[in-house]
Amino acid sequence: MKLSPSTAKIAAAQAPRPGKLSLDHVAHFVPDMENAAPALEKLGFTLTPFSAQSHRLEPGGPLTPAGTGNRCIMFKRGYIECLTPTGDTQTANELRAAIKRSVGIHLIAFGTASPDLDHARLLEQGFEPDTPVALQRQLGTPHGEDTARFTVVRVPPGTMAEGRIQFCQHHTPQLVWQPQWLTHANHAAALTAVMLCVENPADTAARYARFTGLKAAGAGDNWHIDTMRGRLLFSTPAVIKRTFNAEPARLPWIAGYVLASGNMDATRKHIVSTGFAHGDLDNQRQFVVPPTSVGGIIVFEPAKSAALDFGPHAV
């Protein structure tokens, strides 16, 4: 598929350098896409069409339905996935088990150009990773349907108590970051952070440091890990309560994520128009609590420059 130079640059920029990681995407697990999608659209997001997923669970193995499907919210940097079970498979039943605990964010995917190195590190650190999975889904393009392909490195369910924490290599980013999906009424432009609510931020951050090979930093109730693009924030329930007046449905909890806005005044106006619970934070930031059909907390922050050169921001 031929892209404009600007869109081609956006697609090419998604993958980190070999040996590095980025915050690629997070995913809401939802029981009913027909309820979740309208809520996300009301929040001002442009969603991709629904796409069923297929996978090969071992190299050279048969391509089989994953029993899951998604719609995505694509940004100039990173994206949000809305994932739902559609069949009777192990993957689908894992989604249903997570949804039974709470509708919301249950997946964090690190972008990688070296899934083999990530798999080797996980083995060395005792995480017992699964065999890398070849995942694919069909996507419409202006020139017809095409196949988006990914390599995903996962660990067994329950290994990371927060949810499905994985690594994702994009083989066809030009199909995933199509220009018609990159503009949003709320002016969201990039995924900059994900917020994890945990009992002991220092211990959890140390585990993620082993998982990612990255350095954890912080003190007390607030710790963080910086990827090449995007930050993990680890905070206690007291911090989340104080900041958002929100109680965790369970612990640990992937509480929400942070998005950069190209126009915070327009973002704020759109959020207020939804009628959803929302509030002001410091540094011109704004948060909104989506309906229970979506779950989680979304924070919007101003982009630091038109070039989307974002620095880390703690909640």
C-alpha atoms as a PDB file:
ATOM      1  CA  MET A   1       0.000   0.000   0.000  1.00  0.00           C
ATOM      2  CA  LYS A   2       1.441   3.375  -1.029  1.00  0.00           C
ATOM      3  CA  LEU A   3       1.463   6.016   1.718  1.00  0.00           C
ATOM      4  CA  SER A   4       2.108   9.731   1.698  1.00  0.00           C
ATOM      5  CA  PRO A   5       5.620  10.630   2.920  1.00  0.00           C
ATOM      6  CA  SER A   6       4.249  11.950   6.224  1.00  0.00           C
ATOM      7  CA  THR A   7       2.167   8.819   6.930  1.00  0.00           C
ATOM      8  CA  ALA A   8       5.009   6.544   5.866  1.00  0.00           C
ATOM      9  CA  LYS A   9       7.245   8.360   8.343  1.00  0.00           C
ATOM     10  CA  ILE A  10       4.702   7.839  11.146  1.00  0.00           C
ATOM     11  CA  ALA A  11       4.433   4.109  10.367  1.00  0.00           C
ATOM     12  CA  ALA A  12       8.196   3.656  10.179  1.00  0.00           C
ATOM     13  CA  ALA A  13       8.736   5.495  13.475  1.00  0.00           C
ATOM     14  CA  GLN A  14       6.645   3.056  15.521  1.00  0.00           C
ATOM     15  CA  ALA A  15       9.350   0.400  15.878  1.00  0.00           C
ATOM     16  CA  PRO A  16      12.121   1.128  18.395  1.00  0.00           C
ATOM     17  CA  ARG A  17      15.748   0.515  17.544  1.00  0.00           C
ATOM     18  CA  PRO A  18      16.893  -3.124  17.837  1.00  0.00           C
ATOM     19  CA  GLY A  19      17.442  -3.974  21.479  1.00  0.00           C
ATOM     20  CA  LYS A  20      15.219  -1.088  22.679  1.00  0.00           C
ATOM     21  CA  LEU A  21      11.569  -1.016  23.782  1.00  0.00           C
ATOM     22  CA  SER A  22       8.674   1.416  23.424  1.00  0.00           C
ATOM     23  CA  LEU A  23       5.205   1.610  24.920  1.00  0.00           C
ATOM     24  CA  ASP A  24       3.392   0.293  21.854  1.00  0.00           C
ATOM     25  CA  HIS A  25      -0.200  -0.081  23.018  1.00  0.00           C
ATOM     26  CA  VAL A  26      -2.567  -0.954  25.841  1.00  0.00           C
ATOM     27  CA  ALA A  27      -5.868  -2.792  25.550  1.00  0.00           C
ATOM     28  CA  HIS A  28      -9.301  -2.604  27.105  1.00  0.00           C
ATOM     29  CA  PHE A  29     -10.901  -6.045  27.495  1.00  0.00           C
ATOM     30  CA  VAL A  30     -14.643  -5.619  26.926  1.00  0.00           C
ATOM     31  CA  PRO A  31     -17.529  -8.106  26.836  1.00  0.00           C
ATOM     32  CA  ASP A  32     -19.550  -6.233  24.234  1.00  0.00           C
ATOM     33  CA  MET A  33     -18.031  -4.185  21.427  1.00  0.00           C
ATOM     34  CA  GLU A  34     -21.461  -2.780  20.552  1.00  0.00           C
ATOM     35  CA  ASN A  35     -21.535  -0.947  23.887  1.00  0.00           C
ATOM     36  CA  ALA A  36     -17.853  -0.114  24.194  1.00  0.00           C
ATOM     37  CA  ALA A  37     -17.315   1.361  20.720  1.00  0.00           C
ATOM     38  CA  PRO A  38     -20.040   4.076  20.948  1.00  0.00           C
ATOM     39  CA  ALA A  39     -18.653   5.201  24.315  1.00  0.00           C
ATOM     40  CA  LEU A  40     -15.148   5.558  22.853  1.00  0.00           C
ATOM     41  CA  GLU A  41     -16.543   7.414  19.842  1.00  0.00           C
ATOM     42  CA  LYS A  42     -18.419   9.767  22.185  1.00  0.00           C
ATOM     43  CA  LEU A  43     -15.084  10.439  23.886  1.00  0.00           C
ATOM     44  CA  GLY A  44     -13.863  11.737  20.532  1.00  0.00           C
ATOM     45  CA  PHE A  45     -11.873   8.773  19.236  1.00  0.00           C
ATOM     46  CA  THR A  46     -11.849   7.499  15.663  1.00  0.00           C
ATOM     47  CA  LEU A  47     -12.007   3.690  15.733  1.00  0.00           C
ATOM     48  CA  THR A  48     -10.756   1.245  13.138  1.00  0.00           C
ATOM     49  CA  PRO A  49     -13.289  -1.270  11.751  1.00  0.00           C
ATOM     50  CA  PHE A  50     -13.751  -4.545  13.622  1.00  0.00           C
ATOM     51  CA  SER A  51     -11.089  -7.129  12.792  1.00  0.00           C
ATOM     52  CA  ALA A  52     -11.017 -10.826  13.767  1.00  0.00           C
ATOM     53  CA  GLN A  53      -7.637 -12.184  14.867  1.00  0.00           C
ATOM     54  CA  SER A  54      -5.870 -15.394  13.828  1.00  0.00           C
ATOM     55  CA  HIS A  55      -2.622 -16.909  15.071  1.00  0.00           C
ATOM     56  CA  ARG A  56       0.020 -19.591  14.672  1.00  0.00           C
ATOM     57  CA  LEU A  57       0.890 -20.900  18.117  1.00  0.00           C
ATOM     58  CA  GLU A  58       4.144 -22.470  16.968  1.00  0.00           C
ATOM     59  CA  PRO A  59       6.513 -21.779  14.065  1.00  0.00           C
ATOM     60  CA  GLY A  60       5.167 -23.389  10.908  1.00  0.00           C
ATOM     61  CA  GLY A  61       1.964 -24.434  12.680  1.00  0.00           C
ATOM     62  CA  PRO A  62      -1.529 -24.040  11.244  1.00  0.00           C
ATOM     63  CA  LEU A  63      -3.253 -20.669  11.148  1.00  0.00           C
ATOM     64  CA  THR A  64      -6.284 -20.851  13.439  1.00  0.00           C
ATOM     65  CA  PRO A  65      -8.855 -18.340  14.729  1.00  0.00           C
ATOM     66  CA  ALA A  66      -7.726 -16.742  17.993  1.00  0.00           C
ATOM     67  CA  GLY A  67     -11.330 -16.403  19.128  1.00  0.00           C
ATOM     68  CA  THR A  68     -10.853 -12.676  19.649  1.00  0.00           C
ATOM     69  CA  GLY A  69     -11.393  -9.502  17.657  1.00  0.00           C
ATOM     70  CA  ASN A  70     -10.599  -5.832  18.069  1.00  0.00           C
ATOM     71  CA  ARG A  71     -11.141  -2.257  17.129  1.00  0.00           C
ATOM     72  CA  CYS A  72      -8.249   0.155  17.638  1.00  0.00           C
ATOM     73  CA  ILE A  73      -7.596   3.842  18.245  1.00  0.00           C
ATOM     74  CA  MET A  74      -4.482   4.782  16.311  1.00  0.00           C
ATOM     75  CA  PHE A  75      -2.216   7.700  17.217  1.00  0.00           C
ATOM     76  CA  LYS A  76       0.859   9.198  15.647  1.00  0.00           C
ATOM     77  CA  ARG A  77       2.726   7.366  18.398  1.00  0.00           C
ATOM     78  CA  GLY A  78       1.252   4.134  19.744  1.00  0.00           C
ATOM     79  CA  TYR A  79      -2.391   3.100  19.980  1.00  0.00           C
ATOM     80  CA  ILE A  80      -5.240   1.810  22.143  1.00  0.00           C
ATOM     81  CA  GLU A  81      -6.830  -1.564  21.474  1.00  0.00           C
ATOM     82  CA  CYS A  82     -10.375  -2.567  22.396  1.00  0.00           C
ATOM     83  CA  LEU A  83     -10.409  -6.371  22.518  1.00  0.00           C
ATOM     84  CA  THR A  84     -13.366  -8.738  22.887  1.00  0.00           C
ATOM     85  CA  PRO A  85     -13.817 -12.530  22.915  1.00  0.00           C
ATOM     86  CA  THR A  86     -15.621 -14.001  19.909  1.00  0.00           C
ATOM     87  CA  GLY A  87     -15.074 -17.767  20.129  1.00  0.00           C
ATOM     88  CA  ASP A  88     -14.327 -20.722  22.375  1.00  0.00           C
ATOM     89  CA  THR A  89     -10.531 -20.747  22.512  1.00  0.00           C
ATOM     90  CA  GLN A  90      -7.969 -20.559  25.303  1.00  0.00           C
ATOM     91  CA  THR A  91      -7.163 -16.953  24.370  1.00  0.00           C
ATOM     92  CA  ALA A  92     -10.841 -15.978  24.351  1.00  0.00           C
ATOM     93  CA  ASN A  93     -11.462 -17.671  27.687  1.00  0.00           C
ATOM     94  CA  GLU A  94      -8.500 -15.823  29.209  1.00  0.00           C
ATOM     95  CA  LEU A  95     -10.167 -12.575  28.102  1.00  0.00           C
ATOM     96  CA  ARG A  96     -13.467 -13.660  29.649  1.00  0.00           C
ATOM     97  CA  ALA A  97     -11.743 -14.475  32.950  1.00  0.00           C
ATOM     98  CA  ALA A  98     -10.147 -11.010  33.024  1.00  0.00           C
ATOM     99  CA  ILE A  99     -13.434  -9.309  32.107  1.00  0.00           C
ATOM    100  CA  LYS A 100     -15.172 -11.192  34.915  1.00  0.00           C
ATOM    101  CA  ARG A 101     -12.736  -9.560  37.338  1.00  0.00           C
ATOM    102  CA  SER A 102     -13.312  -6.123  35.822  1.00  0.00           C
ATOM    103  CA  VAL A 103     -14.005  -4.523  32.464  1.00  0.00           C
ATOM    104  CA  GLY A 104     -11.053  -2.326  31.611  1.00  0.00           C
ATOM    105  CA  ILE A 105      -7.370  -2.350  30.771  1.00  0.00           C
ATOM    106  CA  HIS A 106      -5.729  -5.755  31.039  1.00  0.00           C
ATOM    107  CA  LEU A 107      -2.916  -5.598  28.481  1.00  0.00           C
ATOM    108  CA  ILE A 108       0.321  -3.661  28.067  1.00  0.00           C
ATOM    109  CA  ALA A 109       2.364  -4.296  24.917  1.00  0.00           C
ATOM    110  CA  PHE A 110       5.952  -3.187  24.558  1.00  0.00           C
ATOM    111  CA  GLY A 111       7.019  -2.427  21.003  1.00  0.00           C
ATOM    112  CA  THR A 112      10.131  -4.311  19.991  1.00  0.00           C
ATOM    113  CA  ALA A 113      12.303  -4.955  16.957  1.00  0.00           C
ATOM    114  CA  SER A 114      14.005  -7.932  18.619  1.00  0.00           C
ATOM    115  CA  PRO A 115      11.440 -10.410  19.992  1.00  0.00           C
ATOM    116  CA  ASP A 116      14.132 -13.099  20.084  1.00  0.00           C
ATOM    117  CA  LEU A 117      16.160 -11.002  22.544  1.00  0.00           C
ATOM    118  CA  ASP A 118      13.058 -10.337  24.652  1.00  0.00           C
ATOM    119  CA  HIS A 119      12.271 -14.065  24.745  1.00  0.00           C
ATOM    120  CA  ALA A 120      15.858 -14.869  25.769  1.00  0.00           C
ATOM    121  CA  ARG A 121      15.814 -12.238  28.541  1.00  0.00           C
ATOM    122  CA  LEU A 122      12.532 -13.585  29.922  1.00  0.00           C
ATOM    123  CA  LEU A 123      13.996 -17.099  30.002  1.00  0.00           C
ATOM    124  CA  GLU A 124      17.099 -15.867  31.778  1.00  0.00           C
ATOM    125  CA  GLN A 125      15.023 -13.967  34.346  1.00  0.00           C
ATOM    126  CA  GLY A 126      12.800 -16.979  35.098  1.00  0.00           C
ATOM    127  CA  PHE A 127       9.552 -15.765  33.504  1.00  0.00           C
ATOM    128  CA  GLU A 128       9.155 -18.966  31.396  1.00  0.00           C
ATOM    129  CA  PRO A 129       7.843 -17.269  28.227  1.00  0.00           C
ATOM    130  CA  ASP A 130       5.606 -19.066  25.755  1.00  0.00           C
ATOM    131  CA  THR A 131       6.817 -19.802  22.254  1.00  0.00           C
ATOM    132  CA  PRO A 132       6.513 -16.565  20.223  1.00  0.00           C
ATOM    133  CA  VAL A 133       3.133 -16.316  18.502  1.00  0.00           C
ATOM    134  CA  ALA A 134       2.613 -15.253  14.881  1.00  0.00           C
ATOM    135  CA  LEU A 135      -0.541 -13.115  15.058  1.00  0.00           C
ATOM    136  CA  GLN A 136      -2.399 -11.627  12.115  1.00  0.00           C
ATOM    137  CA  ARG A 137      -5.639  -9.917  11.157  1.00  0.00           C
ATOM    138  CA  GLN A 138      -7.233  -8.646   7.986  1.00  0.00           C
ATOM    139  CA  LEU A 139      -7.467  -4.894   7.426  1.00  0.00           C
ATOM    140  CA  GLY A 140      -9.169  -2.889   4.748  1.00  0.00           C
ATOM    141  CA  THR A 141      -7.080  -0.417   2.779  1.00  0.00           C
ATOM    142  CA  PRO A 142      -7.949   2.054  -0.010  1.00  0.00           C
ATOM    143  CA  HIS A 143      -6.716  -0.639  -2.406  1.00  0.00           C
ATOM    144  CA  GLY A 144      -8.533  -3.626  -0.907  1.00  0.00           C
ATOM    145  CA  GLU A 145      -8.017  -6.011   1.974  1.00  0.00           C
ATOM    146  CA  ASP A 146      -4.553  -6.883   3.264  1.00  0.00           C
ATOM    147  CA  THR A 147      -3.020  -8.860   6.156  1.00  0.00           C
ATOM    148  CA  ALA A 148      -1.404  -7.143   9.127  1.00  0.00           C
ATOM    149  CA  ARG A 149       1.198  -9.376  10.768  1.00  0.00           C
ATOM    150  CA  PHE A 150       2.807  -9.335  14.204  1.00  0.00           C
ATOM    151  CA  THR A 151       5.147 -11.430  16.353  1.00  0.00           C
ATOM    152  CA  VAL A 152       4.042 -11.503  19.987  1.00  0.00           C
ATOM    153  CA  VAL A 153       6.028 -12.741  22.988  1.00  0.00           C
ATOM    154  CA  ARG A 154       3.891 -13.620  26.014  1.00  0.00           C
ATOM    155  CA  VAL A 155       4.296 -15.290  29.377  1.00  0.00           C
ATOM    156  CA  PRO A 156       1.815 -17.799  30.884  1.00  0.00           C
ATOM    157  CA  PRO A 157      -1.376 -16.332  32.406  1.00  0.00           C
ATOM    158  CA  GLY A 158      -0.823 -15.208  35.987  1.00  0.00           C
ATOM    159  CA  THR A 159       2.937 -14.750  35.597  1.00  0.00           C
ATOM    160  CA  MET A 160       2.403 -10.989  35.628  1.00  0.00           C
ATOM    161  CA  ALA A 161      -0.423 -10.376  38.082  1.00  0.00           C
ATOM    162  CA  GLU A 162      -1.406  -7.054  36.475  1.00  0.00           C
ATOM    163  CA  GLY A 163      -2.629  -8.653  33.244  1.00  0.00           C
ATOM    164  CA  ARG A 164      -1.342  -9.722  29.847  1.00  0.00           C
ATOM    165  CA  ILE A 165       2.059  -8.038  29.633  1.00  0.00           C
ATOM    166  CA  GLN A 166       3.739  -8.795  26.311  1.00  0.00           C
ATOM    167  CA  PHE A 167       6.092  -7.737  23.541  1.00  0.00           C
ATOM    168  CA  CYS A 168       4.903  -6.960  20.013  1.00  0.00           C
ATOM    169  CA  GLN A 169       6.850  -6.638  16.786  1.00  0.00           C
ATOM    170  CA  HIS A 170       4.995  -5.019  13.874  1.00  0.00           C
ATOM    171  CA  HIS A 171       5.870  -6.506  10.496  1.00  0.00           C
ATOM    172  CA  THR A 172       3.366  -4.369   8.564  1.00  0.00           C
ATOM    173  CA  PRO A 173       3.057  -1.003  10.362  1.00  0.00           C
ATOM    174  CA  GLN A 174       1.961   0.696   7.127  1.00  0.00           C
ATOM    175  CA  LEU A 175      -1.296  -1.314   7.310  1.00  0.00           C
ATOM    176  CA  VAL A 176      -1.961  -0.530  10.964  1.00  0.00           C
ATOM    177  CA  TRP A 177      -1.179   3.218  10.923  1.00  0.00           C
ATOM    178  CA  GLN A 178      -3.381   4.322   8.037  1.00  0.00           C
ATOM    179  CA  PRO A 179      -3.974   8.087   7.683  1.00  0.00           C
ATOM    180  CA  GLN A 180      -7.782   7.958   7.901  1.00  0.00           C
ATOM    181  CA  TRP A 181      -7.523   6.634  11.473  1.00  0.00           C
ATOM    182  CA  LEU A 182      -5.012   9.109  12.914  1.00  0.00           C
ATOM    183  CA  THR A 183      -7.248  12.152  13.450  1.00  0.00           C
ATOM    184  CA  HIS A 184      -9.497  12.353  16.521  1.00  0.00           C
ATOM    185  CA  ALA A 185     -12.162  14.867  17.562  1.00  0.00           C
ATOM    186  CA  ASN A 186     -10.556  15.064  21.024  1.00  0.00           C
ATOM    187  CA  HIS A 187      -7.133  15.865  19.456  1.00  0.00           C
ATOM    188  CA  ALA A 188      -5.372  12.852  21.009  1.00  0.00           C
ATOM    189  CA  ALA A 189      -2.052  12.317  19.235  1.00  0.00           C
ATOM    190  CA  ALA A 190       0.086   9.858  21.210  1.00  0.00           C
ATOM    191  CA  LEU A 191       0.162   7.287  23.989  1.00  0.00           C
ATOM    192  CA  THR A 192       2.681   8.574  26.546  1.00  0.00           C
ATOM    193  CA  ALA A 193       2.202   6.516  29.726  1.00  0.00           C
ATOM    194  CA  VAL A 194       0.279   3.730  31.426  1.00  0.00           C
ATOM    195  CA  MET A 195      -0.713   3.851  35.102  1.00  0.00           C
ATOM    196  CA  LEU A 196      -0.500   0.786  37.351  1.00  0.00           C
ATOM    197  CA  CYS A 197      -2.090   0.803  40.808  1.00  0.00           C
ATOM    198  CA  VAL A 198      -0.282  -1.660  43.095  1.00  0.00           C
ATOM    199  CA  GLU A 199       0.292  -2.321  46.784  1.00  0.00           C
ATOM    200  CA  ASN A 200       4.075  -1.995  46.605  1.00  0.00           C
ATOM    201  CA  PRO A 201       5.276   0.214  43.727  1.00  0.00           C
ATOM    202  CA  ALA A 202       8.987  -0.402  44.419  1.00  0.00           C
ATOM    203  CA  ASP A 203       8.654  -4.198  44.284  1.00  0.00           C
ATOM    204  CA  THR A 204       6.403  -4.136  41.213  1.00  0.00           C
ATOM    205  CA  ALA A 205       8.681  -1.715  39.374  1.00  0.00           C
ATOM    206  CA  ALA A 206      11.651  -3.973  40.166  1.00  0.00           C
ATOM    207  CA  ARG A 207       9.813  -6.950  38.629  1.00  0.00           C
ATOM    208  CA  TYR A 208       9.026  -4.946  35.493  1.00  0.00           C
ATOM    209  CA  ALA A 209      12.659  -3.872  35.333  1.00  0.00           C
ATOM    210  CA  ARG A 210      13.649  -7.544  35.151  1.00  0.00           C
ATOM    211  CA  PHE A 211      10.886  -8.194  32.630  1.00  0.00           C
ATOM    212  CA  THR A 212      11.912  -5.361  30.301  1.00  0.00           C
ATOM    213  CA  GLY A 213      15.619  -5.017  30.996  1.00  0.00           C
ATOM    214  CA  LEU A 214      15.013  -1.339  31.767  1.00  0.00           C
ATOM    215  CA  LYS A 215      15.825   0.701  34.864  1.00  0.00           C
ATOM    216  CA  ALA A 216      13.228   1.498  37.553  1.00  0.00           C
ATOM    217  CA  ALA A 217      13.409   4.769  39.469  1.00  0.00           C
ATOM    218  CA  GLY A 218      11.369   6.524  42.129  1.00  0.00           C
ATOM    219  CA  ALA A 219      10.662   6.631  45.834  1.00  0.00           C
ATOM    220  CA  GLY A 220       7.828   5.890  48.225  1.00  0.00           C
ATOM    221  CA  ASP A 221       4.414   5.669  46.572  1.00  0.00           C
ATOM    222  CA  ASN A 222       5.563   6.619  43.051  1.00  0.00           C
ATOM    223  CA  TRP A 223       7.944   4.672  40.809  1.00  0.00           C
ATOM    224  CA  HIS A 224       8.428   4.654  37.051  1.00  0.00           C
ATOM    225  CA  ILE A 225      10.192   2.959  34.150  1.00  0.00           C
ATOM    226  CA  ASP A 226      10.984   4.856  30.955  1.00  0.00           C
ATOM    227  CA  THR A 227      11.003   3.094  27.617  1.00  0.00           C
ATOM    228  CA  MET A 228      12.456   4.634  24.460  1.00  0.00           C
ATOM    229  CA  ARG A 229       8.979   6.149  24.010  1.00  0.00           C
ATOM    230  CA  GLY A 230       6.489   6.060  26.835  1.00  0.00           C
ATOM    231  CA  ARG A 231       6.556   5.560  30.608  1.00  0.00           C
ATOM    232  CA  LEU A 232       5.173   3.042  33.101  1.00  0.00           C
ATOM    233  CA  LEU A 233       3.865   4.674  36.293  1.00  0.00           C
ATOM    234  CA  PHE A 234       3.524   2.615  39.482  1.00  0.00           C
ATOM    235  CA  SER A 235       1.426   4.143  42.276  1.00  0.00           C
ATOM    236  CA  THR A 236      -0.436   3.045  45.391  1.00  0.00           C
ATOM    237  CA  PRO A 237      -4.224   3.060  45.795  1.00  0.00           C
ATOM    238  CA  ALA A 238      -3.838   6.140  47.999  1.00  0.00           C
ATOM    239  CA  VAL A 239      -2.259   8.071  45.123  1.00  0.00           C
ATOM    240  CA  ILE A 240      -4.983   6.982  42.689  1.00  0.00           C
ATOM    241  CA  LYS A 241      -7.683   7.889  45.217  1.00  0.00           C
ATOM    242  CA  ARG A 242      -6.142  11.304  45.874  1.00  0.00           C
ATOM    243  CA  THR A 243      -5.641  12.081  42.186  1.00  0.00           C
ATOM    244  CA  PHE A 244      -8.798  10.691  40.595  1.00  0.00           C
ATOM    245  CA  ASN A 245     -11.128   9.958  43.523  1.00  0.00           C
ATOM    246  CA  ALA A 246     -11.203   6.385  42.221  1.00  0.00           C
ATOM    247  CA  GLU A 247     -11.152   3.119  44.135  1.00  0.00           C
ATOM    248  CA  PRO A 248      -9.490   0.112  42.487  1.00  0.00           C
ATOM    249  CA  ALA A 249     -11.855  -2.692  41.573  1.00  0.00           C
ATOM    250  CA  ARG A 250      -9.012  -5.054  42.485  1.00  0.00           C
ATOM    251  CA  LEU A 251      -5.276  -5.039  43.071  1.00  0.00           C
ATOM    252  CA  PRO A 252      -3.083  -4.977  41.155  1.00  0.00           C
ATOM    253  CA  TRP A 253      -4.950  -2.804  38.651  1.00  0.00           C
ATOM    254  CA  ILE A 254      -3.942  -1.243  35.356  1.00  0.00           C
ATOM    255  CA  ALA A 255      -5.783   1.945  36.214  1.00  0.00           C
ATOM    256  CA  GLY A 256      -5.475   3.888  32.962  1.00  0.00           C
ATOM    257  CA  TYR A 257      -3.191   5.654  30.553  1.00  0.00           C
ATOM    258  CA  VAL A 258      -1.976   9.073  29.477  1.00  0.00           C
ATOM    259  CA  LEU A 259      -2.477  10.556  26.006  1.00  0.00           C
ATOM    260  CA  ALA A 260      -0.863  13.651  24.536  1.00  0.00           C
ATOM    261  CA  SER A 261      -3.196  16.201  22.992  1.00  0.00           C
ATOM    262  CA  GLY A 262      -2.338  18.574  20.182  1.00  0.00           C
ATOM    263  CA  ASN A 263      -4.891  21.096  21.496  1.00  0.00           C
ATOM    264  CA  MET A 264      -5.761  20.873  25.193  1.00  0.00           C
ATOM    265  CA  ASP A 265      -8.416  23.578  25.037  1.00  0.00           C
ATOM    266  CA  ALA A 266     -10.291  21.603  22.380  1.00  0.00           C
ATOM    267  CA  THR A 267      -9.699  18.361  24.278  1.00  0.00           C
ATOM    268  CA  ARG A 268     -11.080  19.821  27.484  1.00  0.00           C
ATOM    269  CA  LYS A 269     -14.144  21.194  25.697  1.00  0.00           C
ATOM    270  CA  HIS A 270     -14.853  17.824  24.112  1.00  0.00           C
ATOM    271  CA  ILE A 271     -14.467  15.938  27.402  1.00  0.00           C
ATOM    272  CA  VAL A 272     -16.894  18.271  29.163  1.00  0.00           C
ATOM    273  CA  SER A 273     -19.424  17.791  26.349  1.00  0.00           C
ATOM    274  CA  THR A 274     -19.539  14.021  26.919  1.00  0.00           C
ATOM    275  CA  GLY A 275     -21.063  14.335  30.366  1.00  0.00           C
ATOM    276  CA  PHE A 276     -18.690  11.633  31.639  1.00  0.00           C
ATOM    277  CA  ALA A 277     -16.992  12.091  35.013  1.00  0.00           C
ATOM    278  CA  HIS A 278     -13.900  14.244  34.577  1.00  0.00           C
ATOM    279  CA  GLY A 279     -11.568  16.585  36.407  1.00  0.00           C
ATOM    280  CA  ASP A 280      -8.571  18.906  36.189  1.00  0.00           C
ATOM    281  CA  LEU A 281      -5.022  17.936  37.124  1.00  0.00           C
ATOM    282  CA  ASP A 282      -1.837  19.944  37.394  1.00  0.00           C
ATOM    283  CA  ASN A 283       0.235  21.040  34.377  1.00  0.00           C
ATOM    284  CA  GLN A 284      -2.913  21.714  32.295  1.00  0.00           C
ATOM    285  CA  ARG A 285      -3.852  18.058  32.299  1.00  0.00           C
ATOM    286  CA  GLN A 286      -7.385  16.695  32.281  1.00  0.00           C
ATOM    287  CA  PHE A 287      -8.779  13.264  33.139  1.00  0.00           C
ATOM    288  CA  VAL A 288     -11.980  11.503  32.166  1.00  0.00           C
ATOM    289  CA  VAL A 289     -13.576   8.298  33.440  1.00  0.00           C
ATOM    290  CA  PRO A 290     -15.209   6.349  30.589  1.00  0.00           C
ATOM    291  CA  PRO A 291     -18.420   4.366  31.152  1.00  0.00           C
ATOM    292  CA  THR A 292     -18.264   0.905  32.712  1.00  0.00           C
ATOM    293  CA  SER A 293     -18.616  -0.633  29.244  1.00  0.00           C
ATOM    294  CA  VAL A 294     -15.013   0.540  28.624  1.00  0.00           C
ATOM    295  CA  GLY A 295     -13.427   0.928  32.076  1.00  0.00           C
ATOM    296  CA  GLY A 296     -10.250   2.661  33.176  1.00  0.00           C
ATOM    297  CA  ILE A 297      -9.133   6.280  33.511  1.00  0.00           C
ATOM    298  CA  ILE A 298      -7.840   8.394  30.631  1.00  0.00           C
ATOM    299  CA  VAL A 299      -5.542  11.372  31.228  1.00  0.00           C
ATOM    300  CA  PHE A 300      -4.892  13.966  28.522  1.00  0.00           C
ATOM    301  CA  GLU A 301      -1.786  16.148  28.659  1.00  0.00           C
ATOM    302  CA  PRO A 302      -0.473  18.855  26.341  1.00  0.00           C
ATOM    303  CA  ALA A 303       2.045  17.810  23.713  1.00  0.00           C
ATOM    304  CA  LYS A 304       5.386  19.475  24.343  1.00  0.00           C
ATOM    305  CA  SER A 305       5.958  20.216  20.663  1.00  0.00           C
ATOM    306  CA  ALA A 306       4.418  19.782  17.249  1.00  0.00           C
ATOM    307  CA  ALA A 307       7.070  17.131  16.600  1.00  0.00           C
ATOM    308  CA  LEU A 308       5.521  14.987  19.361  1.00  0.00           C
ATOM    309  CA  ASP A 309       8.695  15.084  21.433  1.00  0.00           C
ATOM    310  CA  PHE A 310       7.118  14.113  24.742  1.00  0.00           C
ATOM    311  CA  GLY A 311       8.848  14.031  28.064  1.00  0.00           C
ATOM    312  CA  PRO A 312       7.750  11.800  30.955  1.00  0.00           C
ATOM    313  CA  HIS A 313       5.022  13.076  33.241  1.00  0.00           C
ATOM    314  CA  ALA A 314       4.151  11.528  36.561  1.00  0.00           C
ATOM    315  CA  VAL A 315       0.545  11.479  37.716  1.00  0.00           C
END
